[in-house]
N, C-alpha and C. Protein backbone atom coordinates (compact mmCIF):
# COMPACT_ATOMS: atom_id res chain seq x y z
N MET A 1 56.99 -44.53 3.26
CA MET A 1 57.19 -43.40 2.97
C MET A 1 55.50 -42.80 3.40
N ALA A 2 55.51 -41.60 3.93
CA ALA A 2 54.41 -41.01 4.54
C ALA A 2 53.31 -40.94 3.43
N GLU A 3 52.03 -40.66 3.47
CA GLU A 3 50.91 -40.63 2.69
C GLU A 3 51.31 -39.05 1.88
N TYR A 4 51.37 -38.26 2.72
CA TYR A 4 51.50 -36.92 2.22
C TYR A 4 53.01 -36.34 2.46
N GLN A 5 53.38 -35.78 1.59
CA GLN A 5 54.91 -35.18 1.52
C GLN A 5 54.91 -33.62 1.36
N LEU A 6 55.48 -32.93 2.16
CA LEU A 6 55.39 -31.58 2.05
C LEU A 6 56.79 -30.77 1.81
N HIS A 7 56.93 -30.34 0.70
CA HIS A 7 58.38 -29.66 0.41
C HIS A 7 58.36 -28.50 1.09
N CYS A 8 59.06 -28.06 2.15
CA CYS A 8 58.78 -26.89 2.88
C CYS A 8 60.25 -26.42 3.72
N PHE A 9 60.25 -25.28 4.14
CA PHE A 9 61.21 -25.18 5.08
C PHE A 9 60.92 -23.99 6.12
N ALA A 10 61.62 -24.26 7.36
CA ALA A 10 61.20 -23.55 8.76
C ALA A 10 60.64 -22.29 8.61
N GLN A 11 61.46 -21.32 7.93
CA GLN A 11 61.19 -20.08 7.64
C GLN A 11 60.13 -19.59 7.02
N SER A 12 59.43 -20.42 6.25
CA SER A 12 58.46 -20.29 5.28
C SER A 12 57.10 -20.36 5.98
N GLY A 13 56.33 -19.15 6.24
CA GLY A 13 54.96 -19.04 6.77
C GLY A 13 54.05 -19.64 5.94
N ASN A 14 54.31 -19.45 4.47
CA ASN A 14 53.40 -20.07 3.53
C ASN A 14 53.40 -21.66 3.79
N SER A 15 54.59 -22.11 3.96
CA SER A 15 54.55 -23.65 4.11
C SER A 15 54.12 -24.08 5.48
N TYR A 16 54.26 -23.36 6.37
CA TYR A 16 53.74 -23.46 7.55
C TYR A 16 52.34 -23.78 7.63
N LYS A 17 51.26 -22.97 6.83
CA LYS A 17 50.11 -23.12 6.71
C LYS A 17 49.68 -24.52 6.35
N PRO A 18 50.01 -25.27 5.32
CA PRO A 18 49.48 -26.66 5.19
C PRO A 18 50.24 -27.72 6.21
N ALA A 19 51.52 -27.35 6.78
CA ALA A 19 51.97 -28.02 7.72
C ALA A 19 51.44 -28.35 8.71
N LEU A 20 50.70 -27.12 9.13
CA LEU A 20 50.02 -27.03 10.37
C LEU A 20 48.83 -27.48 10.34
N LEU A 21 48.01 -27.58 9.24
CA LEU A 21 46.74 -28.22 9.00
C LEU A 21 46.92 -29.83 9.19
N LEU A 22 48.11 -30.33 8.65
CA LEU A 22 48.63 -31.52 8.43
C LEU A 22 48.69 -32.18 9.88
N ALA A 23 49.49 -31.23 10.88
CA ALA A 23 49.78 -31.74 12.05
C ALA A 23 48.54 -31.76 13.02
N LEU A 24 47.70 -30.62 12.90
CA LEU A 24 46.54 -30.76 13.43
C LEU A 24 45.83 -31.71 13.41
N ALA A 25 45.71 -32.07 12.02
CA ALA A 25 44.83 -33.25 11.54
C ALA A 25 45.22 -34.51 12.11
N GLY A 26 46.31 -34.72 12.71
CA GLY A 26 47.20 -35.98 12.78
C GLY A 26 47.24 -36.79 11.61
N ALA A 27 47.47 -36.45 10.46
CA ALA A 27 47.82 -36.78 9.38
C ALA A 27 49.25 -37.61 9.06
N ASP A 28 49.19 -38.65 8.33
CA ASP A 28 50.57 -39.27 7.96
C ASP A 28 51.45 -38.48 7.15
N TRP A 29 52.08 -37.77 7.33
CA TRP A 29 52.87 -36.68 6.51
C TRP A 29 54.36 -36.44 7.02
N GLU A 30 54.94 -36.02 6.01
CA GLU A 30 56.62 -35.87 6.32
C GLU A 30 57.04 -34.49 5.60
N PRO A 31 57.53 -33.65 6.43
CA PRO A 31 58.28 -32.55 5.73
C PRO A 31 59.52 -32.84 5.02
N LEU A 32 59.69 -32.35 3.78
CA LEU A 32 61.00 -32.46 3.25
C LEU A 32 61.51 -31.47 2.90
N TRP A 33 62.81 -31.04 3.39
CA TRP A 33 63.18 -29.66 3.41
C TRP A 33 63.67 -29.42 2.08
N VAL A 34 63.41 -28.12 1.85
CA VAL A 34 63.93 -27.41 0.57
C VAL A 34 64.87 -26.27 1.09
N ASP A 35 66.15 -26.28 0.48
CA ASP A 35 67.23 -25.32 0.86
C ASP A 35 67.01 -24.10 0.20
N PHE A 36 65.85 -23.57 0.58
CA PHE A 36 65.52 -22.21 -0.11
C PHE A 36 66.67 -21.07 -0.30
N PHE A 37 67.47 -21.01 0.84
CA PHE A 37 68.34 -19.84 1.17
C PHE A 37 69.44 -20.02 -0.08
N ASN A 38 69.71 -21.33 -0.46
CA ASN A 38 70.76 -21.58 -1.25
C ASN A 38 70.36 -22.07 -2.40
N GLY A 39 69.06 -21.61 -2.84
CA GLY A 39 68.53 -21.92 -4.26
C GLY A 39 67.82 -23.33 -4.47
N GLY A 40 67.32 -23.78 -3.59
CA GLY A 40 67.01 -25.10 -3.47
C GLY A 40 65.57 -25.03 -4.27
N THR A 41 64.90 -24.10 -4.35
CA THR A 41 63.68 -24.05 -5.17
C THR A 41 63.79 -23.69 -6.47
N LYS A 42 65.17 -23.34 -7.25
CA LYS A 42 65.49 -22.97 -8.31
C LYS A 42 66.33 -24.10 -9.29
N THR A 43 66.34 -25.22 -8.48
CA THR A 43 67.22 -26.41 -9.15
C THR A 43 66.25 -26.82 -10.49
N PRO A 44 66.93 -27.69 -11.51
CA PRO A 44 66.14 -28.24 -12.45
C PRO A 44 65.08 -29.23 -11.84
N GLU A 45 65.87 -29.96 -10.75
CA GLU A 45 64.92 -30.79 -10.22
C GLU A 45 63.72 -30.72 -9.57
N TYR A 46 63.76 -29.57 -8.97
CA TYR A 46 62.63 -28.77 -8.11
C TYR A 46 61.68 -28.35 -9.13
N LEU A 47 62.28 -27.56 -10.06
CA LEU A 47 61.21 -26.89 -11.10
C LEU A 47 60.65 -28.01 -11.78
N ALA A 48 61.04 -29.29 -11.90
CA ALA A 48 60.56 -30.17 -12.85
C ALA A 48 59.09 -30.61 -11.81
N LEU A 49 59.24 -30.42 -10.63
CA LEU A 49 58.26 -30.79 -9.78
C LEU A 49 57.32 -29.35 -9.48
N ASN A 50 57.66 -28.19 -9.49
CA ASN A 50 56.91 -27.14 -9.37
C ASN A 50 57.54 -25.94 -10.28
N GLU A 51 56.76 -25.55 -11.20
CA GLU A 51 57.49 -24.74 -12.32
C GLU A 51 57.60 -23.42 -11.56
N MET A 52 56.80 -23.13 -10.65
CA MET A 52 56.70 -21.54 -10.15
C MET A 52 57.90 -21.45 -9.11
N GLY A 53 58.81 -22.40 -9.08
CA GLY A 53 59.94 -22.28 -8.12
C GLY A 53 59.83 -21.86 -6.73
N GLU A 54 58.64 -22.24 -6.02
CA GLU A 54 58.44 -21.92 -4.72
C GLU A 54 57.87 -23.13 -3.80
N ALA A 55 57.92 -22.71 -2.44
CA ALA A 55 57.66 -23.79 -1.49
C ALA A 55 56.36 -22.96 -0.65
N PRO A 56 55.34 -23.94 -0.44
CA PRO A 56 55.35 -25.18 -0.08
C PRO A 56 55.07 -25.87 -1.59
N LEU A 57 55.21 -27.26 -1.75
CA LEU A 57 54.57 -28.10 -2.77
C LEU A 57 54.31 -29.55 -2.03
N LEU A 58 52.97 -29.80 -2.19
CA LEU A 58 52.40 -30.94 -1.51
C LEU A 58 52.59 -32.04 -2.73
N VAL A 59 52.91 -33.19 -2.03
CA VAL A 59 52.89 -34.51 -3.00
C VAL A 59 51.98 -35.28 -2.14
N HIS A 60 50.86 -35.91 -2.98
CA HIS A 60 50.01 -36.84 -2.33
C HIS A 60 49.73 -37.91 -3.68
N GLY A 61 50.39 -38.94 -3.54
CA GLY A 61 50.31 -39.90 -4.60
C GLY A 61 51.02 -39.35 -6.05
N ASP A 62 50.16 -39.47 -6.92
CA ASP A 62 50.63 -38.74 -8.23
C ASP A 62 50.46 -37.19 -8.49
N LEU A 63 49.74 -36.61 -7.48
CA LEU A 63 49.16 -35.29 -7.43
C LEU A 63 50.56 -34.47 -6.66
N ARG A 64 50.66 -33.27 -7.48
CA ARG A 64 51.58 -32.31 -6.81
C ARG A 64 50.96 -30.89 -7.02
N LEU A 65 50.75 -30.36 -6.01
CA LEU A 65 50.21 -29.06 -5.72
C LEU A 65 50.95 -28.02 -5.12
N SER A 66 50.99 -26.74 -5.74
CA SER A 66 51.70 -25.70 -5.31
C SER A 66 50.63 -24.48 -4.81
N GLN A 67 51.13 -23.60 -4.29
CA GLN A 67 50.37 -22.38 -3.60
C GLN A 67 49.47 -22.73 -2.41
N SER A 68 50.09 -22.09 -1.22
CA SER A 68 49.35 -22.57 -0.01
C SER A 68 47.93 -22.54 0.09
N GLY A 69 47.13 -21.71 -0.78
CA GLY A 69 45.91 -21.71 -0.59
C GLY A 69 45.18 -22.80 -1.16
N VAL A 70 45.57 -23.12 -2.32
CA VAL A 70 45.21 -24.43 -3.35
C VAL A 70 45.48 -25.52 -2.50
N ILE A 71 46.59 -25.70 -1.62
CA ILE A 71 47.14 -26.98 -0.84
C ILE A 71 45.94 -27.24 0.38
N LEU A 72 45.76 -25.93 1.14
CA LEU A 72 44.94 -25.94 2.04
C LEU A 72 43.44 -26.43 1.46
N ASP A 73 42.99 -25.80 0.51
CA ASP A 73 41.66 -26.18 0.00
C ASP A 73 41.63 -27.50 -0.38
N TYR A 74 42.68 -28.21 -0.85
CA TYR A 74 42.55 -29.59 -1.21
C TYR A 74 42.63 -30.60 -0.03
N LEU A 75 43.59 -30.20 1.07
CA LEU A 75 43.51 -31.03 2.37
C LEU A 75 42.12 -30.87 3.15
N SER A 76 41.59 -29.69 2.90
CA SER A 76 40.15 -29.37 3.66
C SER A 76 39.11 -30.51 3.07
N GLN A 77 39.28 -30.93 1.93
CA GLN A 77 38.38 -31.94 1.46
C GLN A 77 38.82 -33.27 1.79
N ARG A 78 39.90 -33.43 2.41
CA ARG A 78 40.27 -34.68 2.99
C ARG A 78 40.15 -34.71 4.35
N PHE A 79 40.38 -33.73 5.18
CA PHE A 79 40.36 -33.46 6.80
C PHE A 79 39.09 -32.48 6.99
N HIS A 80 37.84 -33.11 6.94
CA HIS A 80 36.66 -32.41 6.83
C HIS A 80 36.65 -31.31 7.89
N ASP A 81 37.24 -31.45 9.17
CA ASP A 81 37.11 -30.75 10.35
C ASP A 81 37.44 -29.21 9.94
N PHE A 82 38.30 -28.98 8.92
CA PHE A 82 38.79 -27.60 8.55
C PHE A 82 38.09 -27.29 7.41
N ALA A 83 37.08 -27.98 7.00
CA ALA A 83 36.44 -27.53 5.81
C ALA A 83 35.19 -26.80 5.74
N PRO A 84 34.88 -25.89 4.88
CA PRO A 84 33.34 -25.11 4.99
C PRO A 84 32.16 -26.17 4.83
N LYS A 85 31.08 -25.87 5.58
CA LYS A 85 30.10 -26.61 5.62
C LYS A 85 28.94 -26.11 5.06
N SER A 86 29.00 -25.12 4.19
CA SER A 86 27.94 -24.50 3.62
C SER A 86 28.54 -23.71 2.65
N GLU A 87 27.62 -23.29 1.49
CA GLU A 87 27.95 -22.57 0.41
C GLU A 87 28.46 -21.09 0.81
N ALA A 88 27.74 -20.85 1.68
CA ALA A 88 27.98 -19.26 2.49
C ALA A 88 29.28 -19.51 3.03
N GLU A 89 29.66 -20.55 3.86
CA GLU A 89 31.15 -20.63 4.62
C GLU A 89 31.99 -20.89 3.33
N ARG A 90 31.88 -21.51 2.27
CA ARG A 90 32.91 -21.66 1.19
C ARG A 90 33.30 -20.52 0.69
N ARG A 91 32.18 -19.52 0.20
CA ARG A 91 32.68 -18.06 -0.10
C ARG A 91 33.41 -17.22 1.09
N GLU A 92 33.14 -17.52 2.32
CA GLU A 92 33.61 -16.62 3.39
C GLU A 92 35.20 -17.10 3.50
N VAL A 93 35.20 -18.59 3.44
CA VAL A 93 36.66 -18.85 3.21
C VAL A 93 37.40 -18.46 2.28
N LEU A 94 36.94 -18.53 1.10
CA LEU A 94 37.62 -18.05 -0.14
C LEU A 94 37.83 -16.67 -0.02
N ARG A 95 37.04 -15.85 0.52
CA ARG A 95 37.23 -14.26 0.53
C ARG A 95 38.29 -13.89 1.37
N TRP A 96 38.35 -14.64 2.70
CA TRP A 96 39.43 -14.27 3.63
C TRP A 96 41.00 -14.91 3.20
N THR A 97 40.78 -16.16 2.37
CA THR A 97 42.02 -16.59 1.59
C THR A 97 42.67 -15.48 0.79
N LEU A 98 41.63 -15.09 0.03
CA LEU A 98 42.10 -13.99 -1.14
C LEU A 98 42.84 -12.87 -0.47
N TRP A 99 42.10 -12.51 0.57
CA TRP A 99 42.43 -11.43 1.36
C TRP A 99 43.68 -11.43 1.89
N ASP A 100 43.83 -12.65 2.60
CA ASP A 100 45.13 -13.08 3.44
C ASP A 100 46.29 -13.02 2.42
N ASN A 101 46.27 -13.61 1.03
CA ASN A 101 47.15 -13.78 0.13
C ASN A 101 47.65 -12.46 -0.30
N HIS A 102 46.62 -11.51 -0.33
CA HIS A 102 46.93 -10.15 -1.20
C HIS A 102 47.18 -9.20 -0.13
N LYS A 103 46.67 -9.28 1.05
CA LYS A 103 46.81 -8.13 1.92
C LYS A 103 47.58 -8.33 3.22
N LEU A 104 47.80 -9.40 3.84
CA LEU A 104 48.17 -9.70 5.02
C LEU A 104 49.41 -10.57 4.89
N THR A 105 49.51 -11.63 4.36
CA THR A 105 50.78 -12.61 4.04
C THR A 105 51.64 -11.85 3.26
N SER A 106 51.15 -11.04 2.15
CA SER A 106 52.03 -10.56 1.24
C SER A 106 52.80 -9.46 1.88
N TYR A 107 52.14 -8.43 2.81
CA TYR A 107 53.17 -7.60 3.03
C TYR A 107 53.91 -8.00 4.48
N ILE A 108 53.36 -8.80 5.32
CA ILE A 108 53.86 -9.30 6.46
C ILE A 108 55.42 -10.34 6.15
N ALA A 109 54.97 -11.15 5.27
CA ALA A 109 56.23 -11.97 4.72
C ALA A 109 57.34 -10.86 4.25
N THR A 110 56.94 -10.18 3.39
CA THR A 110 58.04 -9.10 2.83
C THR A 110 58.51 -8.51 4.09
N LEU A 111 57.80 -7.82 4.83
CA LEU A 111 58.45 -6.80 5.70
C LEU A 111 59.49 -8.01 6.67
N ARG A 112 58.94 -9.13 6.85
CA ARG A 112 59.83 -9.90 7.85
C ARG A 112 60.94 -10.26 7.22
N PHE A 113 61.16 -10.54 5.81
CA PHE A 113 62.10 -10.90 4.96
C PHE A 113 63.12 -9.67 4.99
N MET A 114 62.77 -8.46 5.07
CA MET A 114 63.54 -7.31 4.78
C MET A 114 64.17 -7.15 6.07
N ARG A 115 63.19 -7.42 7.33
CA ARG A 115 64.05 -7.02 8.55
C ARG A 115 64.84 -7.91 9.10
N ALA A 116 64.67 -9.34 8.81
CA ALA A 116 65.11 -10.47 9.57
C ALA A 116 66.03 -11.36 8.48
N LEU A 117 65.73 -11.22 7.30
CA LEU A 117 66.45 -12.38 6.42
C LEU A 117 67.06 -11.88 5.51
N MET A 118 67.05 -10.49 5.12
CA MET A 118 67.75 -9.85 3.92
C MET A 118 68.92 -9.38 4.50
N PRO A 119 70.24 -9.45 3.72
CA PRO A 119 71.42 -8.71 4.47
C PRO A 119 71.12 -7.43 4.60
N ALA A 120 71.88 -7.06 5.73
CA ALA A 120 71.53 -5.84 6.22
C ALA A 120 71.99 -4.65 5.07
N GLU A 121 73.03 -4.97 4.28
CA GLU A 121 73.42 -3.66 3.54
C GLU A 121 72.46 -3.75 2.42
N LYS A 122 71.62 -4.70 2.06
CA LYS A 122 70.53 -4.36 1.10
C LYS A 122 69.41 -3.74 1.75
N ARG A 123 69.16 -3.63 3.01
CA ARG A 123 67.69 -3.13 3.46
C ARG A 123 67.66 -1.58 3.03
N ASP A 124 66.60 -1.34 2.58
CA ASP A 124 66.04 0.10 2.29
C ASP A 124 64.97 0.69 3.31
N PRO A 125 65.44 1.81 4.16
CA PRO A 125 64.55 2.18 5.32
C PRO A 125 63.17 2.47 4.86
N ALA A 126 63.37 3.15 3.54
CA ALA A 126 61.88 3.53 3.23
C ALA A 126 60.94 2.66 2.69
N VAL A 127 61.66 1.49 2.14
CA VAL A 127 60.76 0.18 1.68
C VAL A 127 60.11 -0.27 2.70
N ILE A 128 61.17 -0.52 3.65
CA ILE A 128 60.62 -1.18 5.15
C ILE A 128 59.38 -0.35 5.62
N ALA A 129 59.79 0.94 5.83
CA ALA A 129 58.50 1.70 6.45
C ALA A 129 57.22 1.45 5.50
N PHE A 130 57.32 1.43 4.33
CA PHE A 130 56.22 1.34 3.50
C PHE A 130 55.41 -0.05 3.83
N PHE A 131 56.22 -1.00 3.88
CA PHE A 131 55.54 -2.52 3.99
C PHE A 131 55.17 -2.35 5.58
N ASP A 132 55.78 -1.86 6.49
CA ASP A 132 55.38 -1.90 7.81
C ASP A 132 54.00 -1.20 7.95
N GLY A 133 53.68 -0.07 7.32
CA GLY A 133 52.38 0.76 7.60
C GLY A 133 51.64 -0.41 6.73
N ARG A 134 51.77 -0.95 5.74
CA ARG A 134 50.66 -1.64 4.89
C ARG A 134 50.29 -3.11 5.88
N ALA A 135 51.43 -3.73 6.46
CA ALA A 135 51.20 -4.67 7.42
C ALA A 135 50.24 -4.24 8.65
N ARG A 136 50.56 -3.28 9.32
CA ARG A 136 49.87 -2.59 10.06
C ARG A 136 48.29 -2.59 9.84
N THR A 137 48.20 -1.72 8.59
CA THR A 137 46.57 -1.70 8.30
C THR A 137 46.00 -2.93 7.94
N ALA A 138 46.87 -4.00 7.54
CA ALA A 138 46.15 -5.22 7.29
C ALA A 138 45.68 -5.98 8.71
N LEU A 139 46.81 -5.81 9.68
CA LEU A 139 46.35 -6.13 10.85
C LEU A 139 45.24 -5.80 11.70
N LYS A 140 45.01 -4.48 11.26
CA LYS A 140 43.96 -3.86 12.16
C LYS A 140 42.63 -4.46 11.51
N VAL A 141 42.56 -4.56 9.96
CA VAL A 141 41.49 -5.15 9.73
C VAL A 141 41.06 -6.45 10.17
N LEU A 142 41.97 -7.27 10.37
CA LEU A 142 41.90 -8.52 11.02
C LEU A 142 41.46 -8.53 12.50
N ASP A 143 42.06 -7.76 13.13
CA ASP A 143 41.73 -7.49 14.51
C ASP A 143 40.26 -6.94 14.76
N ASN A 144 39.76 -6.14 13.97
CA ASN A 144 38.45 -5.73 13.99
C ASN A 144 37.67 -6.75 13.82
N HIS A 145 37.91 -7.56 12.77
CA HIS A 145 36.86 -8.56 12.33
C HIS A 145 36.61 -9.56 13.57
N LEU A 146 37.87 -9.95 14.23
CA LEU A 146 37.81 -10.76 15.27
C LEU A 146 37.44 -10.17 16.54
N SER A 147 36.95 -8.95 16.44
CA SER A 147 36.50 -8.39 17.92
C SER A 147 35.15 -9.14 18.39
N ALA A 148 34.19 -9.48 17.35
CA ALA A 148 33.18 -10.23 17.99
C ALA A 148 32.89 -11.48 17.36
N ARG A 149 34.08 -12.47 17.15
CA ARG A 149 34.01 -13.77 16.77
C ARG A 149 35.39 -14.33 16.98
N ASP A 150 35.22 -15.70 17.37
CA ASP A 150 36.44 -16.67 17.63
C ASP A 150 37.17 -16.84 16.32
N TRP A 151 36.51 -17.22 15.24
CA TRP A 151 37.42 -17.72 14.20
C TRP A 151 36.90 -16.67 12.78
N ILE A 152 37.77 -16.81 11.84
CA ILE A 152 37.48 -15.62 10.74
C ILE A 152 36.34 -15.96 10.08
N ALA A 153 36.22 -17.64 9.63
CA ALA A 153 34.92 -17.58 8.46
C ALA A 153 33.79 -18.38 9.02
N ALA A 154 33.98 -19.14 10.23
CA ALA A 154 32.95 -19.85 10.67
C ALA A 154 33.03 -19.72 12.10
N ASP A 155 32.23 -20.59 12.61
CA ASP A 155 32.02 -20.66 14.07
C ASP A 155 33.26 -21.72 14.57
N ARG A 156 34.15 -22.11 13.90
CA ARG A 156 35.30 -23.13 14.22
C ARG A 156 36.36 -22.69 13.18
N ILE A 157 37.44 -23.46 13.47
CA ILE A 157 38.61 -23.10 12.96
C ILE A 157 38.39 -23.67 11.38
N THR A 158 38.80 -22.87 10.21
CA THR A 158 38.69 -23.29 8.93
C THR A 158 40.23 -23.13 8.52
N THR A 159 40.31 -23.26 7.14
CA THR A 159 41.59 -23.18 6.38
C THR A 159 41.75 -21.44 6.28
N ALA A 160 40.81 -20.73 6.31
CA ALA A 160 40.89 -19.24 6.57
C ALA A 160 41.70 -18.72 7.66
N ASP A 161 41.57 -19.55 8.63
CA ASP A 161 42.34 -19.24 9.89
C ASP A 161 43.81 -19.69 9.89
N LEU A 162 44.00 -20.95 9.20
CA LEU A 162 45.19 -21.23 9.03
C LEU A 162 46.10 -20.54 8.02
N GLY A 163 45.52 -20.01 6.98
CA GLY A 163 46.08 -19.38 6.00
C GLY A 163 46.63 -18.08 6.90
N ALA A 164 45.75 -17.13 7.49
CA ALA A 164 45.97 -15.91 8.04
C ALA A 164 46.92 -15.82 9.11
N VAL A 165 46.97 -17.08 9.71
CA VAL A 165 48.03 -17.22 10.98
C VAL A 165 49.54 -17.58 10.67
N GLY A 166 49.56 -17.78 9.27
CA GLY A 166 50.88 -18.51 8.89
C GLY A 166 52.22 -17.75 9.07
N TYR A 167 52.22 -16.49 9.14
CA TYR A 167 53.23 -15.75 9.64
C TYR A 167 53.23 -15.19 11.03
N LEU A 168 52.20 -15.36 11.59
CA LEU A 168 52.03 -14.46 12.82
C LEU A 168 52.60 -15.01 14.05
N TYR A 169 53.45 -16.00 13.77
CA TYR A 169 54.21 -16.78 14.95
C TYR A 169 55.43 -16.06 14.97
N PHE A 170 55.99 -15.44 14.05
CA PHE A 170 57.44 -14.54 14.05
C PHE A 170 57.29 -13.09 14.25
N PRO A 171 56.44 -12.84 15.34
CA PRO A 171 56.58 -11.22 15.53
C PRO A 171 57.77 -10.65 16.00
N ASP A 172 58.64 -11.28 16.63
CA ASP A 172 59.81 -10.57 16.73
C ASP A 172 60.60 -10.31 15.49
N GLU A 173 60.39 -11.26 14.50
CA GLU A 173 61.15 -11.07 13.30
C GLU A 173 60.57 -9.93 12.42
N PHE A 174 59.20 -9.92 12.17
CA PHE A 174 58.67 -8.56 11.50
C PHE A 174 58.53 -7.40 12.15
N ALA A 175 58.84 -7.56 13.59
CA ALA A 175 59.14 -6.32 14.53
C ALA A 175 57.78 -5.55 14.61
N ILE A 176 56.74 -5.97 14.91
CA ILE A 176 55.54 -5.45 15.13
C ILE A 176 54.85 -5.98 16.40
N ASP A 177 54.49 -5.42 17.49
CA ASP A 177 54.09 -5.74 18.70
C ASP A 177 52.56 -6.14 18.62
N LEU A 178 52.40 -7.45 18.35
CA LEU A 178 50.91 -7.88 18.48
C LEU A 178 50.00 -7.45 19.56
N ALA A 179 50.66 -7.19 20.76
CA ALA A 179 49.91 -6.60 21.83
C ALA A 179 49.01 -5.45 21.41
N ALA A 180 49.22 -4.99 20.31
CA ALA A 180 48.29 -3.66 20.01
C ALA A 180 47.23 -4.32 19.17
N TYR A 181 47.14 -5.65 18.93
CA TYR A 181 45.78 -6.34 18.21
C TYR A 181 45.32 -7.35 19.18
N PRO A 182 44.69 -7.07 20.08
CA PRO A 182 44.45 -8.01 21.37
C PRO A 182 43.36 -8.99 20.69
N ASN A 183 42.62 -8.92 19.63
CA ASN A 183 41.91 -9.92 19.12
C ASN A 183 42.65 -10.99 18.42
N ILE A 184 43.56 -10.41 17.74
CA ILE A 184 44.41 -11.32 17.04
C ILE A 184 45.31 -12.13 17.92
N GLU A 185 45.74 -11.51 19.09
CA GLU A 185 46.61 -12.50 20.00
C GLU A 185 45.71 -13.43 20.69
N ARG A 186 44.42 -13.07 21.20
CA ARG A 186 43.63 -14.07 21.57
C ARG A 186 43.26 -15.30 20.35
N TRP A 187 42.93 -14.92 19.33
CA TRP A 187 42.66 -15.85 18.26
C TRP A 187 43.97 -16.81 18.12
N ARG A 188 45.17 -15.93 17.96
CA ARG A 188 46.60 -16.78 17.75
C ARG A 188 46.91 -17.58 18.87
N ALA A 189 46.44 -17.32 20.14
CA ALA A 189 46.66 -18.43 21.27
C ALA A 189 45.73 -19.28 21.23
N ALA A 190 44.38 -19.19 20.85
CA ALA A 190 43.41 -20.15 20.58
C ALA A 190 43.93 -21.36 19.76
N ILE A 191 44.84 -20.99 18.58
CA ILE A 191 45.18 -21.99 17.74
C ILE A 191 46.48 -22.70 18.42
N ALA A 192 47.18 -22.15 19.06
CA ALA A 192 48.23 -22.59 19.37
C ALA A 192 47.81 -23.42 20.69
N ALA A 193 46.73 -23.32 21.24
CA ALA A 193 46.59 -24.39 22.24
C ALA A 193 45.85 -25.47 21.62
N LEU A 194 45.57 -25.67 20.37
CA LEU A 194 44.92 -26.83 19.93
C LEU A 194 45.94 -28.16 19.84
N PRO A 195 45.52 -29.23 20.13
CA PRO A 195 46.35 -30.45 20.11
C PRO A 195 47.11 -30.76 18.92
N GLY A 196 48.37 -30.87 18.90
CA GLY A 196 49.04 -31.00 17.72
C GLY A 196 49.81 -29.85 17.13
N TRP A 197 49.58 -28.61 17.85
CA TRP A 197 50.29 -27.20 17.31
C TRP A 197 51.52 -27.46 17.57
N LYS A 198 52.34 -26.97 16.86
CA LYS A 198 54.07 -26.65 17.00
C LYS A 198 54.20 -25.33 16.13
N HIS A 199 55.14 -24.89 16.70
CA HIS A 199 55.76 -23.53 16.15
C HIS A 199 56.42 -23.98 14.76
N PRO A 200 56.18 -23.05 13.86
CA PRO A 200 57.06 -23.21 12.56
C PRO A 200 58.42 -23.79 12.51
N TYR A 201 59.24 -23.29 13.56
CA TYR A 201 60.69 -23.90 13.64
C TYR A 201 60.68 -25.19 14.32
N GLU A 202 59.61 -25.76 15.05
CA GLU A 202 59.68 -27.14 15.33
C GLU A 202 59.09 -27.84 14.55
N LEU A 203 58.01 -27.38 13.48
CA LEU A 203 57.34 -28.48 13.01
C LEU A 203 58.10 -28.68 11.51
N MET A 204 58.77 -27.82 10.90
CA MET A 204 59.39 -27.90 9.65
C MET A 204 60.95 -27.85 9.70
N PRO A 205 61.68 -28.53 9.00
CA PRO A 205 63.06 -28.31 9.02
C PRO A 205 63.94 -27.26 8.57
N GLY A 206 64.99 -27.09 9.08
CA GLY A 206 65.80 -25.99 8.11
C GLY A 206 66.03 -24.87 9.39
N HIS A 207 65.81 -24.85 10.63
CA HIS A 207 66.07 -23.94 11.58
C HIS A 207 66.80 -24.51 12.61
N PRO A 208 67.98 -23.78 13.03
CA PRO A 208 68.49 -22.43 12.65
C PRO A 208 69.14 -22.55 11.35
N ARG A 209 69.21 -21.62 10.63
CA ARG A 209 69.78 -21.51 9.42
C ARG A 209 71.34 -21.79 9.43
N GLY A 210 72.09 -22.83 8.79
CA GLY A 210 73.45 -22.97 8.98
C GLY A 210 74.39 -21.96 8.50
């Protein structure tokens, strides 16, 4: 059995965040498929592991952690290449992690779900337009931030980058042309060029959906 086990599924950008760190770090890990679309996170067995009924869930020995930001923080303390190296960097990583969770991932993940994963008869164009606008606003903030720097929170990749990029390899599915955000495109390509990088559909099980 691998040292790290990550309960995840291929369509989950939040699962991709720690999965990508583990892959880039060359960790001894294995993905464990959660059948999210058929209620896999709501079974009694899964809820006994994660009361929030969500993915990802990291298992490391007797430890079980949920919420991607917490998992990234935990893993950064074991794979120090991704960790902040000063108190100022720690605050900056935290600042952008909280921003991503609230402003970027929250809107893009919901927009993508509505456009690509929700049954067509349940889609509300007005709601989709609202999330599209919020997602574009968040992308503009990030693009402006990256205009004068290579990475989000430090002079190298940190968990702030891995958190923010979690859903940004699905642009066809959330239907925003990232060419309008050239600094994000450059940064996203730099991450994809790192040894060990894989697209979420290649890194985690469950794609294509049956």
